[in-house]
């Protein structure tokens, strides 16, 4: 008997299903990159930055003012996000403007927000 309602009591393996998934499953390096992307998304400050940049391109000074943080702290977060391909930047004179790297990041973030709204504002129930 199962210890809880979430443990399977059977011993049968659906070999056809497992083999089909194994054939299409990316390698471990892909999942390492995916986990790195979600680590970036897993920080409240970086989520606030992503939200702001999903609205429009902003410079470091704008983001620092918006989030009540120092330019140094924002720059540190943005550098981590840039390495993971979440944001990109462009220089205009002395200012550096940031935007989301591509529409995929905006879509993932919007979909996550929709999911949280569906869950009643929190994924934890």
PDB file of N, CA and C in Angstrom:
ATOM      1  N   UNK A   1       0.836  -1.188   0.000  1.00  0.00           N
ATOM      2  CA  UNK A   1       0.000   0.000   0.000  1.00  0.00           C
ATOM      3  C   UNK A   1       0.881   1.252   0.000  1.00  0.00           C
ATOM      4  N   UNK A   2       0.461   2.257  -0.708  1.00  0.00           N
ATOM      5  CA  UNK A   2       1.232   3.498  -0.824  1.00  0.00           C
ATOM      6  C   UNK A   2       1.260   4.245   0.503  1.00  0.00           C
ATOM      7  N   UNK A   3       2.367   4.938   0.752  1.00  0.00           N
ATOM      8  CA  UNK A   3       2.500   5.733   1.972  1.00  0.00           C
ATOM      9  C   UNK A   3       1.618   6.967   1.944  1.00  0.00           C
ATOM     10  N   UNK A   4       1.423   7.501   0.739  1.00  0.00           N
ATOM     11  CA  UNK A   4       0.548   8.657   0.591  1.00  0.00           C
ATOM     12  C   UNK A   4      -0.144   8.556  -0.762  1.00  0.00           C
ATOM     13  N   UNK A   5      -1.032   9.453  -1.043  1.00  0.00           N
ATOM     14  CA  UNK A   5      -1.793   9.416  -2.287  1.00  0.00           C
ATOM     15  C   UNK A   5      -0.978   9.753  -3.520  1.00  0.00           C
ATOM     16  N   UNK A   6       0.289  10.082  -3.372  1.00  0.00           N
ATOM     17  CA  UNK A   6       1.111  10.502  -4.492  1.00  0.00           C
ATOM     18  C   UNK A   6       2.157   9.467  -4.896  1.00  0.00           C
ATOM     19  N   UNK A   7       2.152   8.318  -4.248  1.00  0.00           N
ATOM     20  CA  UNK A   7       3.108   7.269  -4.552  1.00  0.00           C
ATOM     21  C   UNK A   7       2.410   6.157  -5.322  1.00  0.00           C
ATOM     22  N   UNK A   8       3.033   5.710  -6.389  1.00  0.00           N
ATOM     23  CA  UNK A   8       2.473   4.651  -7.231  1.00  0.00           C
ATOM     24  C   UNK A   8       2.750   3.292  -6.591  1.00  0.00           C
ATOM     25  N   UNK A   9       1.732   2.442  -6.538  1.00  0.00           N
ATOM     26  CA  UNK A   9       1.894   1.102  -5.971  1.00  0.00           C
ATOM     27  C   UNK A   9       2.264   0.058  -7.022  1.00  0.00           C
ATOM     28  N   UNK A  10       2.145   0.403  -8.295  1.00  0.00           N
ATOM     29  CA  UNK A  10       2.384  -0.599  -9.333  1.00  0.00           C
ATOM     30  C   UNK A  10       3.882  -0.804  -9.558  1.00  0.00           C
ATOM     31  N   UNK A  11       4.197  -1.908 -10.228  1.00  0.00           N
ATOM     32  CA  UNK A  11       5.589  -2.200 -10.578  1.00  0.00           C
ATOM     33  C   UNK A  11       5.759  -2.287 -12.089  1.00  0.00           C
ATOM     34  N   UNK A  12       4.682  -2.154 -12.818  1.00  0.00           N
ATOM     35  CA  UNK A  12       4.720  -2.262 -14.275  1.00  0.00           C
ATOM     36  C   UNK A  12       5.255  -0.969 -14.877  1.00  0.00           C
ATOM     37  N   UNK A  13       6.120  -1.094 -15.868  1.00  0.00           N
ATOM     38  CA  UNK A  13       6.677   0.059 -16.562  1.00  0.00           C
ATOM     39  C   UNK A  13       6.104   0.072 -17.972  1.00  0.00           C
ATOM     40  N   UNK A  14       5.627   1.230 -18.403  1.00  0.00           N
ATOM     41  CA  UNK A  14       5.127   1.389 -19.771  1.00  0.00           C
ATOM     42  C   UNK A  14       6.352   1.583 -20.661  1.00  0.00           C
ATOM     43  N   UNK A  15       6.951   0.504 -21.070  1.00  0.00           N
ATOM     44  CA  UNK A  15       8.212   0.513 -21.806  1.00  0.00           C
ATOM     45  C   UNK A  15       8.123   1.335 -23.084  1.00  0.00           C
ATOM     46  N   UNK A  16       7.022   1.209 -23.810  1.00  0.00           N
ATOM     47  CA  UNK A  16       6.871   1.962 -25.063  1.00  0.00           C
ATOM     48  C   UNK A  16       6.890   3.462 -24.800  1.00  0.00           C
ATOM     49  N   UNK A  17       6.188   3.902 -23.768  1.00  0.00           N
ATOM     50  CA  UNK A  17       6.157   5.329 -23.435  1.00  0.00           C
ATOM     51  C   UNK A  17       7.533   5.829 -23.011  1.00  0.00           C
ATOM     52  N   UNK A  18       8.208   5.042 -22.175  1.00  0.00           N
ATOM     53  CA  UNK A  18       9.536   5.421 -21.691  1.00  0.00           C
ATOM     54  C   UNK A  18      10.524   5.514 -22.853  1.00  0.00           C
ATOM     55  N   UNK A  19      10.517   4.532 -23.734  1.00  0.00           N
ATOM     56  CA  UNK A  19      11.449   4.535 -24.868  1.00  0.00           C
ATOM     57  C   UNK A  19      11.183   5.707 -25.805  1.00  0.00           C
ATOM     58  N   UNK A  20       9.916   6.019 -26.044  1.00  0.00           N
ATOM     59  CA  UNK A  20       9.573   7.136 -26.926  1.00  0.00           C
ATOM     60  C   UNK A  20      10.099   8.457 -26.362  1.00  0.00           C
ATOM     61  N   UNK A  21       9.921   8.639 -25.080  1.00  0.00           N
ATOM     62  CA  UNK A  21      10.405   9.873 -24.440  1.00  0.00           C
ATOM     63  C   UNK A  21      11.932   9.900 -24.434  1.00  0.00           C
ATOM     64  N   UNK A  22      12.572   8.781 -24.148  1.00  0.00           N
ATOM     65  CA  UNK A  22      14.036   8.724 -24.139  1.00  0.00           C
ATOM     66  C   UNK A  22      14.624   9.137 -25.479  1.00  0.00           C
ATOM     67  N   UNK A  23      13.967   8.766 -26.573  1.00  0.00           N
ATOM     68  CA  UNK A  23      14.475   9.085 -27.905  1.00  0.00           C
ATOM     69  C   UNK A  23      14.444  10.587 -28.196  1.00  0.00           C
ATOM     70  N   UNK A  24      13.500  11.291 -27.603  1.00  0.00           N
ATOM     71  CA  UNK A  24      13.385  12.725 -27.881  1.00  0.00           C
ATOM     72  C   UNK A  24      13.984  13.597 -26.775  1.00  0.00           C
ATOM     73  N   UNK A  25      14.364  12.998 -25.669  1.00  0.00           N
ATOM     74  CA  UNK A  25      14.831  13.768 -24.514  1.00  0.00           C
ATOM     75  C   UNK A  25      16.205  14.378 -24.770  1.00  0.00           C
ATOM     76  N   UNK A  26      16.328  15.700 -24.537  1.00  0.00           N
ATOM     77  CA  UNK A  26      17.638  16.350 -24.686  1.00  0.00           C
ATOM     78  C   UNK A  26      18.636  15.807 -23.665  1.00  0.00           C
ATOM     79  N   UNK A  27      19.911  16.060 -23.919  1.00  0.00           N
ATOM     80  CA  UNK A  27      20.963  15.624 -23.005  1.00  0.00           C
ATOM     81  C   UNK A  27      21.025  16.471 -21.742  1.00  0.00           C
ATOM     82  N   UNK A  28      21.865  16.027 -20.816  1.00  0.00           N
ATOM     83  CA  UNK A  28      22.003  16.704 -19.530  1.00  0.00           C
ATOM     84  C   UNK A  28      22.453  18.139 -19.621  1.00  0.00           C
ATOM     85  N   UNK A  29      23.271  18.458 -20.634  1.00  0.00           N
ATOM     86  CA  UNK A  29      23.751  19.830 -20.812  1.00  0.00           C
ATOM     87  C   UNK A  29      22.587  20.790 -21.072  1.00  0.00           C
ATOM     88  N   UNK A  30      21.611  20.325 -21.840  1.00  0.00           N
ATOM     89  CA  UNK A  30      20.419  21.137 -22.107  1.00  0.00           C
ATOM     90  C   UNK A  30      19.691  21.445 -20.802  1.00  0.00           C
ATOM     91  N   UNK A  31      19.505  20.424 -19.963  1.00  0.00           N
ATOM     92  CA  UNK A  31      18.779  20.628 -18.711  1.00  0.00           C
ATOM     93  C   UNK A  31      19.573  21.489 -17.734  1.00  0.00           C
ATOM     94  N   UNK A  32      20.894  21.447 -17.806  1.00  0.00           N
ATOM     95  CA  UNK A  32      21.714  22.348 -16.987  1.00  0.00           C
ATOM     96  C   UNK A  32      21.467  23.796 -17.388  1.00  0.00           C
ATOM     97  N   UNK A  33      21.412  24.041 -18.703  1.00  0.00           N
ATOM     98  CA  UNK A  33      21.108  25.388 -19.185  1.00  0.00           C
ATOM     99  C   UNK A  33      19.710  25.833 -18.789  1.00  0.00           C
ATOM    100  N   UNK A  34      18.761  24.919 -18.877  1.00  0.00           N
ATOM    101  CA  UNK A  34      17.381  25.218 -18.489  1.00  0.00           C
ATOM    102  C   UNK A  34      17.298  25.574 -17.006  1.00  0.00           C
ATOM    103  N   UNK A  35      17.991  24.798 -16.177  1.00  0.00           N
ATOM    104  CA  UNK A  35      18.001  25.070 -14.741  1.00  0.00           C
ATOM    105  C   UNK A  35      18.655  26.427 -14.452  1.00  0.00           C
ATOM    106  N   UNK A  36      19.721  26.770 -15.200  1.00  0.00           N
ATOM    107  CA  UNK A  36      20.358  28.080 -15.030  1.00  0.00           C
ATOM    108  C   UNK A  36      19.396  29.208 -15.362  1.00  0.00           C
ATOM    109  N   UNK A  37      18.624  29.024 -16.426  1.00  0.00           N
ATOM    110  CA  UNK A  37      17.620  30.028 -16.805  1.00  0.00           C
ATOM    111  C   UNK A  37      16.608  30.199 -15.676  1.00  0.00           C
ATOM    112  N   UNK A  38      16.118  29.099 -15.132  1.00  0.00           N
ATOM    113  CA  UNK A  38      15.124  29.197 -14.057  1.00  0.00           C
ATOM    114  C   UNK A  38      15.718  29.708 -12.752  1.00  0.00           C
ATOM    115  N   UNK A  39      17.005  29.497 -12.522  1.00  0.00           N
ATOM    116  CA  UNK A  39      17.639  30.109 -11.345  1.00  0.00           C
ATOM    117  C   UNK A  39      17.594  31.635 -11.466  1.00  0.00           C
ATOM    118  N   UNK A  40      17.826  32.137 -12.663  1.00  0.00           N
ATOM    119  CA  UNK A  40      17.740  33.585 -12.890  1.00  0.00           C
ATOM    120  C   UNK A  40      16.317  34.060 -12.622  1.00  0.00           C
ATOM    121  N   UNK A  41      15.349  33.307 -13.114  1.00  0.00           N
ATOM    122  CA  UNK A  41      13.943  33.674 -12.935  1.00  0.00           C
ATOM    123  C   UNK A  41      13.484  33.484 -11.492  1.00  0.00           C
ATOM    124  N   UNK A  42      14.261  32.756 -10.684  1.00  0.00           N
ATOM    125  CA  UNK A  42      13.858  32.410  -9.331  1.00  0.00           C
ATOM    126  C   UNK A  42      14.213  33.432  -8.271  1.00  0.00           C
ATOM    127  N   UNK A  43      14.616  34.621  -8.650  1.00  0.00           N
ATOM    128  CA  UNK A  43      14.989  35.662  -7.690  1.00  0.00           C
ATOM    129  C   UNK A  43      13.984  36.809  -7.783  1.00  0.00           C
ATOM    130  N   UNK A  44      13.388  37.238  -6.662  1.00  0.00           N
ATOM    131  CA  UNK A  44      12.375  38.297  -6.707  1.00  0.00           C
ATOM    132  C   UNK A  44      12.857  39.608  -7.345  1.00  0.00           C
ATOM    133  N   UNK A  45      14.091  39.996  -7.070  1.00  0.00           N
ATOM    134  CA  UNK A  45      14.613  41.229  -7.665  1.00  0.00           C
ATOM    135  C   UNK A  45      14.714  41.088  -9.181  1.00  0.00           C
ATOM    136  N   UNK A  46      15.239  39.961  -9.640  1.00  0.00           N
ATOM    137  CA  UNK A  46      15.353  39.758 -11.078  1.00  0.00           C
ATOM    138  C   UNK A  46      13.975  39.653 -11.731  1.00  0.00           C
ATOM    139  N   UNK A  47      13.013  39.068 -11.020  1.00  0.00           N
ATOM    140  CA  UNK A  47      11.640  39.033 -11.553  1.00  0.00           C
ATOM    141  C   UNK A  47      11.089  40.445 -11.708  1.00  0.00           C
ATOM    142  N   UNK A  48      11.354  41.303 -10.743  1.00  0.00           N
ATOM    143  CA  UNK A  48      10.894  42.698 -10.843  1.00  0.00           C
ATOM    144  C   UNK A  48      11.574  43.397 -12.017  1.00  0.00           C
ATOM    145  N   UNK A  49      12.845  43.118 -12.222  1.00  0.00           N
ATOM    146  CA  UNK A  49      13.563  43.689 -13.365  1.00  0.00           C
ATOM    147  C   UNK A  49      12.952  43.194 -14.672  1.00  0.00           C
ATOM    148  N   UNK A  50      12.674  41.892 -14.746  1.00  0.00           N
ATOM    149  CA  UNK A  50      12.069  41.337 -15.956  1.00  0.00           C
ATOM    150  C   UNK A  50      10.710  41.974 -16.209  1.00  0.00           C
ATOM    151  N   UNK A  51       9.929  42.138 -15.156  1.00  0.00           N
ATOM    152  CA  UNK A  51       8.618  42.783 -15.329  1.00  0.00           C
ATOM    153  C   UNK A  51       8.798  44.193 -15.897  1.00  0.00           C
ATOM    154  N   UNK A  52       9.684  44.961 -15.301  1.00  0.00           N
ATOM    155  CA  UNK A  52       9.906  46.334 -15.756  1.00  0.00           C
ATOM    156  C   UNK A  52      10.366  46.355 -17.213  1.00  0.00           C
ATOM    157  N   UNK A  53      11.293  45.477 -17.550  1.00  0.00           N
ATOM    158  CA  UNK A  53      11.814  45.454 -18.921  1.00  0.00           C
ATOM    159  C   UNK A  53      10.805  44.875 -19.915  1.00  0.00           C
ATOM    160  N   UNK A  54       9.814  44.148 -19.408  1.00  0.00           N
ATOM    161  CA  UNK A  54       8.761  43.664 -20.307  1.00  0.00           C
ATOM    162  C   UNK A  54       7.841  44.815 -20.718  1.00  0.00           C
ATOM    163  N   UNK A  55       7.903  45.905 -19.961  1.00  0.00           N
ATOM    164  CA  UNK A  55       7.093  47.081 -20.266  1.00  0.00           C
ATOM    165  C   UNK A  55       7.791  48.012 -21.259  1.00  0.00           C
ATOM    166  N   UNK A  56       9.116  48.156 -21.056  1.00  0.00           N
ATOM    167  CA  UNK A  56       9.904  49.021 -21.945  1.00  0.00           C
ATOM    168  C   UNK A  56      11.386  48.923 -21.632  1.00  0.00           C
ATOM    169  N   UNK A  57      12.197  49.388 -22.543  1.00  0.00           N
ATOM    170  CA  UNK A  57      13.644  49.461 -22.356  1.00  0.00           C
ATOM    171  C   UNK A  57      13.923  50.507 -21.277  1.00  0.00           C
ATOM    172  N   UNK A  58      14.865  50.211 -20.387  1.00  0.00           N
ATOM    173  CA  UNK A  58      15.218  51.136 -19.305  1.00  0.00           C
ATOM    174  C   UNK A  58      16.724  51.141 -19.088  1.00  0.00           C
ATOM    175  N   UNK A  59      17.232  52.247 -18.581  1.00  0.00           N
ATOM    176  CA  UNK A  59      18.649  52.291 -18.214  1.00  0.00           C
ATOM    177  C   UNK A  59      18.801  51.857 -16.760  1.00  0.00           C
ATOM    178  N   UNK A  60      20.030  51.617 -16.352  1.00  0.00           N
ATOM    179  CA  UNK A  60      20.323  51.157 -15.000  1.00  0.00           C
ATOM    180  C   UNK A  60      19.782  52.155 -13.973  1.00  0.00           C
ATOM    181  N   UNK A  61      19.930  53.439 -14.252  1.00  0.00           N
ATOM    182  CA  UNK A  61      19.433  54.470 -13.322  1.00  0.00           C
ATOM    183  C   UNK A  61      17.915  54.365 -13.142  1.00  0.00           C
ATOM    184  N   UNK A  62      17.198  54.124 -14.249  1.00  0.00           N
ATOM    185  CA  UNK A  62      15.745  53.971 -14.182  1.00  0.00           C
ATOM    186  C   UNK A  62      15.371  52.784 -13.301  1.00  0.00           C
ATOM    187  N   UNK A  63      16.033  51.655 -13.546  1.00  0.00           N
ATOM    188  CA  UNK A  63      15.733  50.450 -12.769  1.00  0.00           C
ATOM    189  C   UNK A  63      16.072  50.630 -11.296  1.00  0.00           C
ATOM    190  N   UNK A  64      17.199  51.272 -11.006  1.00  0.00           N
ATOM    191  CA  UNK A  64      17.590  51.519  -9.618  1.00  0.00           C
ATOM    192  C   UNK A  64      16.544  52.374  -8.906  1.00  0.00           C
ATOM    193  N   UNK A  65      16.077  53.402  -9.572  1.00  0.00           N
ATOM    194  CA  UNK A  65      15.058  54.272  -8.993  1.00  0.00           C
ATOM    195  C   UNK A  65      13.743  53.516  -8.794  1.00  0.00           C
ATOM    196  N   UNK A  66      13.338  52.783  -9.793  1.00  0.00           N
ATOM    197  CA  UNK A  66      12.088  52.029  -9.744  1.00  0.00           C
ATOM    198  C   UNK A  66      12.073  51.017  -8.604  1.00  0.00           C
ATOM    199  N   UNK A  67      13.191  50.317  -8.407  1.00  0.00           N
ATOM    200  CA  UNK A  67      13.242  49.246  -7.418  1.00  0.00           C
ATOM    201  C   UNK A  67      13.833  49.675  -6.074  1.00  0.00           C
ATOM    202  N   UNK A  68      14.239  50.936  -5.971  1.00  0.00           N
ATOM    203  CA  UNK A  68      14.796  51.428  -4.710  1.00  0.00           C
ATOM    204  C   UNK A  68      16.109  50.763  -4.351  1.00  0.00           C
ATOM    205  N   UNK A  69      16.936  50.542  -5.365  1.00  0.00           N
ATOM    206  CA  UNK A  69      18.222  49.879  -5.159  1.00  0.00           C
ATOM    207  C   UNK A  69      19.341  50.754  -5.708  1.00  0.00           C
ATOM    208  N   UNK A  70      20.574  50.376  -5.414  1.00  0.00           N
ATOM    209  CA  UNK A  70      21.705  51.120  -5.954  1.00  0.00           C
ATOM    210  C   UNK A  70      21.959  50.691  -7.403  1.00  0.00           C
ATOM    211  N   UNK A  71      22.601  51.563  -8.155  1.00  0.00           N
ATOM    212  CA  UNK A  71      22.971  51.220  -9.528  1.00  0.00           C
ATOM    213  C   UNK A  71      23.894  50.015  -9.545  1.00  0.00           C
ATOM    214  N   UNK A  72      24.765  49.927  -8.562  1.00  0.00           N
ATOM    215  CA  UNK A  72      25.694  48.800  -8.471  1.00  0.00           C
ATOM    216  C   UNK A  72      24.936  47.480  -8.302  1.00  0.00           C
ATOM    217  N   UNK A  73      23.935  47.473  -7.431  1.00  0.00           N
ATOM    218  CA  UNK A  73      23.150  46.250  -7.208  1.00  0.00           C
ATOM    219  C   UNK A  73      22.387  45.848  -8.461  1.00  0.00           C
ATOM    220  N   UNK A  74      21.810  46.826  -9.133  1.00  0.00           N
ATOM    221  CA  UNK A  74      21.069  46.543 -10.363  1.00  0.00           C
ATOM    222  C   UNK A  74      22.024  46.020 -11.432  1.00  0.00           C
ATOM    223  N   UNK A  75      23.181  46.664 -11.574  1.00  0.00           N
ATOM    224  CA  UNK A  75      24.166  46.224 -12.567  1.00  0.00           C
ATOM    225  C   UNK A  75      24.617  44.796 -12.312  1.00  0.00           C
ATOM    226  N   UNK A  76      24.790  44.451 -11.044  1.00  0.00           N
ATOM    227  CA  UNK A  76      25.187  43.096 -10.678  1.00  0.00           C
ATOM    228  C   UNK A  76      24.121  42.087 -11.132  1.00  0.00           C
ATOM    229  N   UNK A  77      22.864  42.391 -10.866  1.00  0.00           N
ATOM    230  CA  UNK A  77      21.773  41.501 -11.280  1.00  0.00           C
ATOM    231  C   UNK A  77      21.693  41.412 -12.802  1.00  0.00           C
ATOM    232  N   UNK A  78      21.822  42.550 -13.460  1.00  0.00           N
ATOM    233  CA  UNK A  78      21.734  42.565 -14.919  1.00  0.00           C
ATOM    234  C   UNK A  78      22.864  41.771 -15.568  1.00  0.00           C
ATOM    235  N   UNK A  79      24.048  41.803 -14.971  1.00  0.00           N
ATOM    236  CA  UNK A  79      25.158  41.041 -15.553  1.00  0.00           C
ATOM    237  C   UNK A  79      24.874  39.540 -15.488  1.00  0.00           C
ATOM    238  N   UNK A  80      24.289  39.072 -14.388  1.00  0.00           N
ATOM    239  CA  UNK A  80      23.902  37.665 -14.275  1.00  0.00           C
ATOM    240  C   UNK A  80      22.847  37.316 -15.316  1.00  0.00           C
ATOM    241  N   UNK A  81      21.910  38.227 -15.504  1.00  0.00           N
ATOM    242  CA  UNK A  81      20.820  37.995 -16.452  1.00  0.00           C
ATOM    243  C   UNK A  81      21.325  37.992 -17.891  1.00  0.00           C
ATOM    244  N   UNK A  82      22.320  38.819 -18.150  1.00  0.00           N
ATOM    245  CA  UNK A  82      22.887  38.895 -19.507  1.00  0.00           C
ATOM    246  C   UNK A  82      23.604  37.599 -19.869  1.00  0.00           C
ATOM    247  N   UNK A  83      24.338  37.026 -18.921  1.00  0.00           N
ATOM    248  CA  UNK A  83      25.055  35.773 -19.153  1.00  0.00           C
ATOM    249  C   UNK A  83      24.082  34.655 -19.522  1.00  0.00           C
ATOM    250  N   UNK A  84      22.908  34.657 -18.926  1.00  0.00           N
ATOM    251  CA  UNK A  84      21.915  33.607 -19.188  1.00  0.00           C
ATOM    252  C   UNK A  84      21.030  33.930 -20.396  1.00  0.00           C
ATOM    253  N   UNK A  85      21.286  35.053 -21.062  1.00  0.00           N
ATOM    254  CA  UNK A  85      20.517  35.388 -22.252  1.00  0.00           C
ATOM    255  C   UNK A  85      19.114  35.897 -21.964  1.00  0.00           C
ATOM    256  N   UNK A  86      18.917  36.469 -20.781  1.00  0.00           N
ATOM    257  CA  UNK A  86      17.601  36.998 -20.417  1.00  0.00           C
ATOM    258  C   UNK A  86      17.469  38.457 -20.841  1.00  0.00           C
ATOM    259  N   UNK A  87      18.559  39.220 -20.734  1.00  0.00           N
ATOM    260  CA  UNK A  87      18.542  40.627 -21.129  1.00  0.00           C
ATOM    261  C   UNK A  87      19.676  40.909 -22.114  1.00  0.00           C
ATOM    262  N   UNK A  88      19.521  42.012 -22.813  1.00  0.00           N
ATOM    263  CA  UNK A  88      20.583  42.521 -23.682  1.00  0.00           C
ATOM    264  C   UNK A  88      20.692  44.014 -23.407  1.00  0.00           C
ATOM    265  N   UNK A  89      21.775  44.606 -23.852  1.00  0.00           N
ATOM    266  CA  UNK A  89      21.960  46.029 -23.587  1.00  0.00           C
ATOM    267  C   UNK A  89      22.512  46.732 -24.820  1.00  0.00           C
ATOM    268  N   UNK A  90      22.355  48.043 -24.788  1.00  0.00           N
ATOM    269  CA  UNK A  90      22.941  48.893 -25.823  1.00  0.00           C
ATOM    270  C   UNK A  90      23.387  50.183 -25.148  1.00  0.00           C
ATOM    271  N   UNK A  91      24.473  50.745 -25.642  1.00  0.00           N
ATOM    272  CA  UNK A  91      25.022  51.987 -25.082  1.00  0.00           C
ATOM    273  C   UNK A  91      24.580  53.162 -25.930  1.00  0.00           C
ATOM    274  N   UNK A  92      24.199  54.221 -25.244  1.00  0.00           N
ATOM    275  CA  UNK A  92      23.867  55.488 -25.904  1.00  0.00           C
ATOM    276  C   UNK A  92      24.559  56.585 -25.101  1.00  0.00           C
ATOM    277  N   UNK A  93      25.700  57.023 -25.582  1.00  0.00           N
ATOM    278  CA  UNK A  93      26.499  57.993 -24.830  1.00  0.00           C
ATOM    279  C   UNK A  93      27.000  57.357 -23.553  1.00  0.00           C
ATOM    280  N   UNK A  94      26.678  57.979 -22.410  1.00  0.00           N
ATOM    281  CA  UNK A  94      27.101  57.458 -21.118  1.00  0.00           C
ATOM    282  C   UNK A  94      26.093  56.476 -20.530  1.00  0.00           C
ATOM    283  N   UNK A  95      24.936  56.385 -21.132  1.00  0.00           N
ATOM    284  CA  UNK A  95      23.886  55.523 -20.585  1.00  0.00           C
ATOM    285  C   UNK A  95      23.888  54.153 -21.262  1.00  0.00           C
ATOM    286  N   UNK A  96      23.552  53.137 -20.481  1.00  0.00           N
ATOM    287  CA  UNK A  96      23.409  51.783 -20.989  1.00  0.00           C
ATOM    288  C   UNK A  96      21.953  51.380 -20.784  1.00  0.00           C
ATOM    289  N   UNK A  97      21.293  51.055 -21.877  1.00  0.00           N
ATOM    290  CA  UNK A  97      19.885  50.683 -21.839  1.00  0.00           C
ATOM    291  C   UNK A  97      19.741  49.178 -21.935  1.00  0.00           C
ATOM    292  N   UNK A  98      18.831  48.642 -21.120  1.00  0.00           N
ATOM    293  CA  UNK A  98      18.581  47.210 -21.100  1.00  0.00           C
ATOM    294  C   UNK A  98      17.173  46.915 -21.593  1.00  0.00           C
ATOM    295  N   UNK A  99      17.055  45.761 -22.220  1.00  0.00           N
ATOM    296  CA  UNK A  99      15.758  45.243 -22.655  1.00  0.00           C
ATOM    297  C   UNK A  99      15.816  43.730 -22.537  1.00  0.00           C
ATOM    298  N   UNK A 100      14.665  43.092 -22.637  1.00  0.00           N
ATOM    299  CA  UNK A 100      14.651  41.638 -22.633  1.00  0.00           C
ATOM    300  C   UNK A 100      15.343  41.151 -23.893  1.00  0.00           C
ATOM    301  N   UNK A 101      16.046  40.045 -23.795  1.00  0.00           N
ATOM    302  CA  UNK A 101      16.850  39.562 -24.910  1.00  0.00           C
ATOM    303  C   UNK A 101      16.011  39.251 -26.136  1.00  0.00           C
ATOM    304  N   UNK A 102      14.848  38.658 -25.933  1.00  0.00           N
ATOM    305  CA  UNK A 102      13.968  38.387 -27.060  1.00  0.00           C
ATOM    306  C   UNK A 102      12.547  38.170 -26.565  1.00  0.00           C
ATOM    307  N   UNK A 103      11.656  37.979 -27.485  1.00  0.00           N
ATOM    308  CA  UNK A 103      10.238  37.829 -27.151  1.00  0.00           C
ATOM    309  C   UNK A 103       9.965  36.564 -26.340  1.00  0.00           C
ATOM    310  N   UNK A 104      10.840  35.562 -26.458  1.00  0.00           N
ATOM    311  CA  UNK A 104      10.628  34.322 -25.698  1.00  0.00           C
ATOM    312  C   UNK A 104      10.642  34.596 -24.201  1.00  0.00           C
ATOM    313  N   UNK A 105      11.547  35.430 -23.745  1.00  0.00           N
ATOM    314  CA  UNK A 105      11.637  35.742 -22.317  1.00  0.00           C
ATOM    315  C   UNK A 105      10.348  36.418 -21.865  1.00  0.00           C
ATOM    316  N   UNK A 106       9.862  37.371 -22.646  1.00  0.00           N
ATOM    317  CA  UNK A 106       8.613  38.057 -22.305  1.00  0.00           C
ATOM    318  C   UNK A 106       7.445  37.074 -22.269  1.00  0.00           C
ATOM    319  N   UNK A 107       7.406  36.150 -23.215  1.00  0.00           N
ATOM    320  CA  UNK A 107       6.317  35.158 -23.266  1.00  0.00           C
ATOM    321  C   UNK A 107       6.360  34.221 -22.063  1.00  0.00           C
ATOM    322  N   UNK A 108       7.547  33.742 -21.714  1.00  0.00           N
ATOM    323  CA  UNK A 108       7.687  32.849 -20.555  1.00  0.00           C
ATOM    324  C   UNK A 108       7.238  33.565 -19.294  1.00  0.00           C
ATOM    325  N   UNK A 109       7.660  34.808 -19.137  1.00  0.00           N
ATOM    326  CA  UNK A 109       7.308  35.583 -17.949  1.00  0.00           C
ATOM    327  C   UNK A 109       5.802  35.837 -17.905  1.00  0.00           C
ATOM    328  N   UNK A 110       5.212  36.233 -19.031  1.00  0.00           N
ATOM    329  CA  UNK A 110       3.767  36.496 -19.086  1.00  0.00           C
ATOM    330  C   UNK A 110       2.972  35.222 -18.799  1.00  0.00           C
ATOM    331  N   UNK A 111       3.410  34.116 -19.343  1.00  0.00           N
ATOM    332  CA  UNK A 111       2.727  32.845 -19.106  1.00  0.00           C
ATOM    333  C   UNK A 111       2.801  32.451 -17.634  1.00  0.00           C
ATOM    334  N   UNK A 112       3.944  32.683 -17.016  1.00  0.00           N
ATOM    335  CA  UNK A 112       4.100  32.390 -15.591  1.00  0.00           C
ATOM    336  C   UNK A 112       3.181  33.274 -14.761  1.00  0.00           C
ATOM    337  N   UNK A 113       3.094  34.546 -15.110  1.00  0.00           N
ATOM    338  CA  UNK A 113       2.187  35.452 -14.394  1.00  0.00           C
ATOM    339  C   UNK A 113       0.737  34.982 -14.545  1.00  0.00           C
ATOM    340  N   UNK A 114       0.358  34.565 -15.742  1.00  0.00           N
ATOM    341  CA  UNK A 114      -0.995  34.057 -15.974  1.00  0.00           C
ATOM    342  C   UNK A 114      -1.257  32.816 -15.119  1.00  0.00           C
ATOM    343  N   UNK A 115      -0.264  31.948 -15.043  1.00  0.00           N
ATOM    344  CA  UNK A 115      -0.409  30.743 -14.222  1.00  0.00           C
ATOM    345  C   UNK A 115      -0.611  31.112 -12.752  1.00  0.00           C
ATOM    346  N   UNK A 116       0.177  32.046 -12.249  1.00  0.00           N
ATOM    347  CA  UNK A 116       0.046  32.454 -10.851  1.00  0.00           C
ATOM    348  C   UNK A 116      -1.312  33.092 -10.583  1.00  0.00           C
ATOM    349  N   UNK A 117      -1.808  33.890 -11.519  1.00  0.00           N
ATOM    350  CA  UNK A 117      -3.141  34.475 -11.366  1.00  0.00           C
ATOM    351  C   UNK A 117      -4.196  33.370 -11.335  1.00  0.00           C
ATOM    352  N   UNK A 118      -4.033  32.371 -12.182  1.00  0.00           N
ATOM    353  CA  UNK A 118      -4.944  31.224 -12.214  1.00  0.00           C
ATOM    354  C   UNK A 118      -4.928  30.469 -10.877  1.00  0.00           C
ATOM    355  N   UNK A 119      -3.751  30.399 -10.263  1.00  0.00           N
ATOM    356  CA  UNK A 119      -3.598  29.701  -8.984  1.00  0.00           C
ATOM    357  C   UNK A 119      -4.026  30.565  -7.806  1.00  0.00           C
ATOM    358  N   UNK A 120      -4.537  31.745  -8.075  1.00  0.00           N
ATOM    359  CA  UNK A 120      -4.985  32.621  -6.993  1.00  0.00           C
ATOM    360  C   UNK A 120      -3.883  33.504  -6.446  1.00  0.00           C
ATOM    361  N   UNK A 121      -2.884  33.799  -7.263  1.00  0.00           N
ATOM    362  CA  UNK A 121      -1.813  34.706  -6.846  1.00  0.00           C
ATOM    363  C   UNK A 121      -0.603  34.022  -6.263  1.00  0.00           C
ATOM    364  N   UNK A 122      -0.695  32.720  -6.044  1.00  0.00           N
ATOM    365  CA  UNK A 122       0.439  32.007  -5.504  1.00  0.00           C
ATOM    366  C   UNK A 122       0.432  30.570  -5.980  1.00  0.00           C
ATOM    367  N   UNK A 123       1.599  30.049  -6.252  1.00  0.00           N
ATOM    368  CA  UNK A 123       1.715  28.656  -6.688  1.00  0.00           C
ATOM    369  C   UNK A 123       1.609  27.718  -5.491  1.00  0.00           C
ATOM    370  N   UNK A 124       1.711  28.249  -4.281  1.00  0.00           N
ATOM    371  CA  UNK A 124       1.638  27.413  -3.080  1.00  0.00           C
ATOM    372  C   UNK A 124       0.197  27.378  -2.573  1.00  0.00           C
ATOM    373  N   UNK A 125      -0.312  26.184  -2.398  1.00  0.00           N
ATOM    374  CA  UNK A 125      -1.688  26.031  -1.864  1.00  0.00           C
ATOM    375  C   UNK A 125      -1.681  25.060  -0.734  1.00  0.00           C
TER     376      UNK A 125
END
